[in-house]
Amino acid sequence: MTEEGREIQESQEIQEVHEIEDVEDVQEVLEIEDVQDAPEVEAVQDVPEAQAGDIQTPDEQRPDASQPPEGFEATVESVIEAVLFASDEPLSEARLADIVEASAKQVREHIESLNAKYQANNNAFRIEQIAGGYQMLTLSPYNYWLKKLLRARSDNKLSPAALETLAIVAYKQPIMRADIEAIRGVAVGEVIRSLSYKGLVKIVGRAEVLGRPMLYGTTKRFLEIFGLNTLKDLPKIEELKKPRE
């Protein structure tokens, strides 16, 4: 290649380099213009940071069961009815008064009012005084049908010997074991233990005699099971039917 040819080739290479640089410059300019012409991105609104107390857990989102639902109005009488309906044991007058935040006199008046409504509506239940408290009970004429529903547990069944011993304790309390055995004519240690286990009989003291033997009496559960308010409600001896011969 001649000297002149080499100069021409170098001149062409230099020109190509300048053209490439010019293209890159144009591209940079275009990129800058694109950025400038692009619509402004809307500023993200500042979201206030959630306070620790603002975050509700699943439990907090549930309605508060400790308070009546909004818009619900309950009367003292309806609250007494609901409490007695839900209770599985007699509630004393003082306990009811504390729950419904009323006086004992008001509790008695509302119970009388409820019973009057039950009677007028021919309902199958009443609020009765049992073991020193109030409890909602089914009327006795419905026992025939209820017996078909209920199946007493075997551990709650009382044998004739247990019933006889329990009757002696109920009518003679406080009474020593020796006196019970004297009346029945047989040992009653095992029977008394069974009655104590069922919560029907308990130790109420010790006799002031030699050896200080234990005295037995009936429990509050005894009153509940037999539907008695106090021991004074036990049938009189003379009212009891004599066993058939």
Protein backbone atom coordinates (compact mmCIF):
# COMPACT_ATOMS: atom_id res chain seq x y z
CA MET A 1 0.00 0.00 0.00
CA THR A 2 1.35 3.41 -0.95
CA GLU A 3 1.93 6.20 1.51
CA GLU A 4 -0.97 8.12 0.11
CA GLY A 5 -3.25 5.11 0.54
CA ARG A 6 -2.30 4.71 4.19
CA GLU A 7 -3.08 8.36 4.90
CA ILE A 8 -6.50 8.02 3.32
CA GLN A 9 -7.26 4.87 5.39
CA GLU A 10 -6.19 6.55 8.67
CA SER A 11 -8.30 9.58 7.78
CA GLN A 12 -11.35 7.33 7.27
CA GLU A 13 -10.78 5.52 10.60
CA ILE A 14 -10.52 8.83 12.47
CA GLN A 15 -13.72 10.03 10.82
CA GLU A 16 -15.54 6.81 11.84
CA VAL A 17 -14.41 7.26 15.45
CA HIS A 18 -15.74 10.82 15.47
CA GLU A 19 -19.02 9.63 13.99
CA ILE A 20 -19.37 6.99 16.74
CA GLU A 21 -18.66 9.57 19.42
CA ASP A 22 -21.22 11.90 17.83
CA VAL A 23 -23.82 9.10 17.90
CA GLU A 24 -23.13 8.35 21.58
CA ASP A 25 -23.43 12.08 22.36
CA VAL A 26 -26.78 12.22 20.58
CA GLN A 27 -28.02 9.17 22.50
CA GLU A 28 -27.04 10.75 25.81
CA VAL A 29 -28.85 13.95 24.84
CA LEU A 30 -31.94 11.99 23.87
CA GLU A 31 -31.90 10.08 27.16
CA ILE A 32 -31.64 13.33 29.11
CA GLU A 33 -34.52 14.85 27.14
CA ASP A 34 -36.64 11.75 27.70
CA VAL A 35 -36.14 12.03 31.42
CA GLN A 36 -36.93 15.73 31.43
CA ASP A 37 -40.02 15.29 29.28
CA ALA A 38 -41.32 12.34 31.31
CA PRO A 39 -44.36 13.17 33.47
CA GLU A 40 -43.53 13.81 37.05
CA VAL A 41 -44.24 10.89 39.31
CA GLU A 42 -46.87 11.83 41.81
CA ALA A 43 -45.47 12.09 45.25
CA VAL A 44 -46.53 9.24 47.44
CA GLN A 45 -48.77 10.57 50.15
CA ASP A 46 -47.29 10.26 53.53
CA VAL A 47 -49.06 7.51 55.38
CA PRO A 48 -49.06 8.11 59.12
CA GLU A 49 -47.24 5.41 60.95
CA ALA A 50 -49.60 3.08 62.73
CA GLN A 51 -49.52 3.46 66.43
CA ALA A 52 -49.03 0.33 68.49
CA GLY A 53 -52.51 0.70 69.93
CA ASP A 54 -54.09 1.16 66.48
CA ILE A 55 -53.22 -2.35 65.32
CA GLN A 56 -56.10 -4.64 66.21
CA THR A 57 -55.49 -8.26 66.88
CA PRO A 58 -58.15 -10.82 65.93
CA ASP A 59 -59.28 -10.96 69.55
CA GLU A 60 -59.66 -7.16 69.68
CA GLN A 61 -61.73 -7.18 66.51
CA ARG A 62 -64.29 -9.46 68.13
CA PRO A 63 -67.23 -7.87 69.94
CA ASP A 64 -66.67 -7.36 73.66
CA ALA A 65 -68.62 -10.15 75.34
CA SER A 66 -68.31 -8.40 78.71
CA GLN A 67 -70.59 -5.60 77.53
CA PRO A 68 -74.13 -5.78 76.09
CA PRO A 69 -74.24 -5.40 72.29
CA GLU A 70 -74.89 -1.91 70.97
CA GLY A 71 -78.56 -1.07 70.82
CA PHE A 72 -79.57 -3.89 73.17
CA GLU A 73 -81.59 -2.88 76.20
CA ALA A 74 -82.01 -5.27 79.11
CA THR A 75 -84.21 -4.84 82.14
CA VAL A 76 -83.38 -5.94 85.66
CA GLU A 77 -86.13 -8.54 85.39
CA SER A 78 -84.81 -10.01 82.13
CA VAL A 79 -81.27 -10.16 83.54
CA ILE A 80 -82.51 -12.06 86.61
CA GLU A 81 -84.33 -14.47 84.32
CA ALA A 82 -81.24 -15.00 82.13
CA VAL A 83 -78.95 -15.57 85.11
CA LEU A 84 -81.26 -18.09 86.76
CA PHE A 85 -81.86 -19.86 83.47
CA ALA A 86 -78.10 -20.29 82.94
CA SER A 87 -77.22 -21.25 86.52
CA ASP A 88 -76.97 -24.92 87.43
CA GLU A 89 -77.18 -24.22 91.16
CA PRO A 90 -79.34 -22.07 93.44
CA LEU A 91 -78.29 -18.43 93.70
CA SER A 92 -78.78 -16.56 96.94
CA GLU A 93 -80.75 -13.35 97.07
CA ALA A 94 -77.60 -11.39 97.87
CA ARG A 95 -75.73 -12.94 94.94
CA LEU A 96 -78.52 -12.08 92.51
CA ALA A 97 -78.71 -8.54 93.86
CA ASP A 98 -74.97 -8.15 93.33
CA ILE A 99 -75.11 -9.45 89.74
CA VAL A 100 -78.05 -7.31 88.60
CA GLU A 101 -77.01 -4.33 90.75
CA ALA A 102 -80.33 -4.05 92.54
CA SER A 103 -81.60 -4.35 96.08
CA ALA A 104 -82.72 -7.64 97.63
CA LYS A 105 -86.27 -6.29 97.77
CA GLN A 106 -86.23 -5.55 94.05
CA VAL A 107 -84.93 -9.06 93.34
CA ARG A 108 -87.84 -10.59 95.25
CA GLU A 109 -90.34 -8.36 93.47
CA HIS A 110 -88.99 -9.24 90.03
CA ILE A 111 -89.00 -12.97 90.83
CA GLU A 112 -92.63 -12.72 91.90
CA SER A 113 -93.39 -10.86 88.67
CA LEU A 114 -91.62 -13.50 86.58
CA ASN A 115 -93.48 -16.35 88.29
CA ALA A 116 -96.78 -14.54 87.68
CA LYS A 117 -95.93 -14.31 83.97
CA TYR A 118 -94.91 -17.97 83.84
CA GLN A 119 -98.19 -18.98 85.43
CA ALA A 120 -100.22 -16.76 83.11
CA ASN A 121 -98.44 -18.24 80.09
CA ASN A 122 -98.84 -21.77 81.44
CA ASN A 123 -95.07 -22.30 81.32
CA ALA A 124 -93.62 -25.58 82.55
CA PHE A 125 -91.21 -23.98 85.02
CA ARG A 126 -91.07 -21.62 87.98
CA ILE A 127 -88.41 -19.90 90.07
CA GLU A 128 -88.32 -21.71 93.40
CA GLN A 129 -86.44 -21.26 96.65
CA ILE A 130 -84.00 -24.14 97.01
CA ALA A 131 -81.20 -24.59 99.55
CA GLY A 132 -81.33 -20.96 100.64
CA GLY A 133 -81.32 -19.58 97.10
CA TYR A 134 -83.37 -19.26 93.92
CA GLN A 135 -83.34 -21.69 91.02
CA MET A 136 -85.42 -22.19 87.88
CA LEU A 137 -87.11 -25.60 88.11
CA THR A 138 -89.53 -27.63 86.03
CA LEU A 139 -92.93 -28.21 87.57
CA SER A 140 -93.47 -31.64 89.11
CA PRO A 141 -96.42 -32.63 86.83
CA TYR A 142 -93.86 -32.88 84.00
CA ASN A 143 -91.81 -35.52 85.82
CA TYR A 144 -93.50 -38.29 83.85
CA TRP A 145 -92.00 -37.04 80.57
CA LEU A 146 -88.73 -35.88 82.05
CA LYS A 147 -88.04 -39.34 83.43
CA LYS A 148 -88.09 -40.60 79.85
CA LEU A 149 -85.40 -38.09 79.00
CA LEU A 150 -83.14 -38.33 81.99
CA ARG A 151 -81.00 -41.31 82.76
CA ALA A 152 -79.52 -41.14 86.22
CA ARG A 153 -75.84 -42.02 86.43
CA SER A 154 -75.06 -45.22 88.20
CA ASP A 155 -72.85 -43.47 90.74
CA ASN A 156 -75.75 -41.23 91.76
CA LYS A 157 -78.16 -44.07 92.40
CA LEU A 158 -78.87 -44.76 96.04
CA SER A 159 -79.47 -48.24 97.30
CA PRO A 160 -82.27 -48.92 99.80
CA ALA A 161 -79.64 -49.12 102.55
CA ALA A 162 -78.21 -45.75 101.53
CA LEU A 163 -81.65 -44.14 101.39
CA GLU A 164 -82.51 -45.52 104.83
CA THR A 165 -79.26 -44.27 106.31
CA LEU A 166 -79.66 -40.86 104.64
CA ALA A 167 -83.20 -40.54 106.03
CA ILE A 168 -81.95 -41.28 109.55
CA VAL A 169 -79.19 -38.66 109.24
CA ALA A 170 -81.64 -36.09 107.80
CA TYR A 171 -84.19 -36.46 110.60
CA LYS A 172 -81.83 -37.12 113.52
CA GLN A 173 -78.86 -34.85 112.71
CA PRO A 174 -76.42 -34.22 114.17
CA ILE A 175 -76.07 -37.95 114.85
CA MET A 176 -73.28 -40.36 115.71
CA ARG A 177 -72.51 -43.41 113.61
CA ALA A 178 -73.25 -45.64 116.62
CA ASP A 179 -76.76 -44.22 116.87
CA ILE A 180 -77.38 -44.83 113.16
CA GLU A 181 -76.23 -48.42 113.55
CA ALA A 182 -78.45 -48.83 116.62
CA ILE A 183 -81.48 -47.74 114.60
CA ARG A 184 -80.65 -49.80 111.50
CA GLY A 185 -79.24 -52.78 113.35
CA VAL A 186 -76.28 -53.13 110.95
CA ALA A 187 -72.88 -51.51 110.39
CA VAL A 188 -73.11 -48.35 108.33
CA GLY A 189 -69.48 -47.32 107.91
CA GLU A 190 -69.33 -48.14 104.20
CA VAL A 191 -72.73 -46.56 103.54
CA ILE A 192 -71.74 -43.31 105.25
CA ARG A 193 -68.51 -43.19 103.25
CA SER A 194 -70.53 -43.62 100.05
CA LEU A 195 -72.96 -40.85 101.04
CA SER A 196 -70.04 -38.58 101.91
CA TYR A 197 -68.43 -39.31 98.54
CA LYS A 198 -71.67 -38.31 96.80
CA GLY A 199 -71.73 -35.07 98.79
CA LEU A 200 -74.96 -35.86 100.63
CA VAL A 201 -73.56 -36.32 104.14
CA LYS A 202 -70.75 -34.52 105.94
CA ILE A 203 -69.09 -34.34 109.35
CA VAL A 204 -70.65 -31.49 111.32
CA GLY A 205 -68.81 -31.84 114.64
CA ARG A 206 -67.91 -34.17 117.48
CA ALA A 207 -70.11 -35.47 120.26
CA GLU A 208 -69.35 -34.44 123.83
CA VAL A 209 -69.05 -38.04 125.00
CA LEU A 210 -66.20 -40.43 125.69
CA GLY A 211 -63.96 -40.68 122.64
CA ARG A 212 -65.54 -37.60 120.99
CA PRO A 213 -67.04 -39.55 118.05
CA MET A 214 -67.90 -37.67 114.88
CA LEU A 215 -71.35 -36.29 114.24
CA TYR A 216 -72.95 -36.48 110.80
CA GLY A 217 -75.43 -34.21 109.05
CA THR A 218 -76.76 -33.53 105.56
CA THR A 219 -75.27 -31.08 103.07
CA LYS A 220 -76.53 -28.27 100.85
CA ARG A 221 -76.39 -30.72 97.95
CA PHE A 222 -78.86 -32.92 99.81
CA LEU A 223 -81.32 -29.99 99.85
CA GLU A 224 -80.74 -29.34 96.13
CA ILE A 225 -81.28 -32.95 95.07
CA PHE A 226 -84.45 -33.42 97.11
CA GLY A 227 -85.86 -30.00 96.24
CA LEU A 228 -85.87 -28.59 99.78
CA ASN A 229 -85.22 -25.01 100.82
CA THR A 230 -84.40 -25.88 104.44
CA LEU A 231 -84.57 -28.99 106.63
CA LYS A 232 -87.87 -27.67 107.94
CA ASP A 233 -89.36 -28.62 104.58
CA LEU A 234 -88.79 -32.34 105.24
CA PRO A 235 -92.06 -34.25 105.43
CA LYS A 236 -93.35 -34.77 108.94
CA ILE A 237 -92.89 -38.26 110.30
CA GLU A 238 -96.61 -38.72 110.71
CA GLU A 239 -97.17 -37.64 107.10
CA LEU A 240 -94.99 -40.41 105.71
CA LYS A 241 -96.76 -43.42 104.28
CA LYS A 242 -96.19 -46.69 105.99
CA PRO A 243 -94.49 -49.27 103.77
CA ARG A 244 -96.81 -51.85 102.27
CA GLU A 245 -96.66 -55.24 103.92
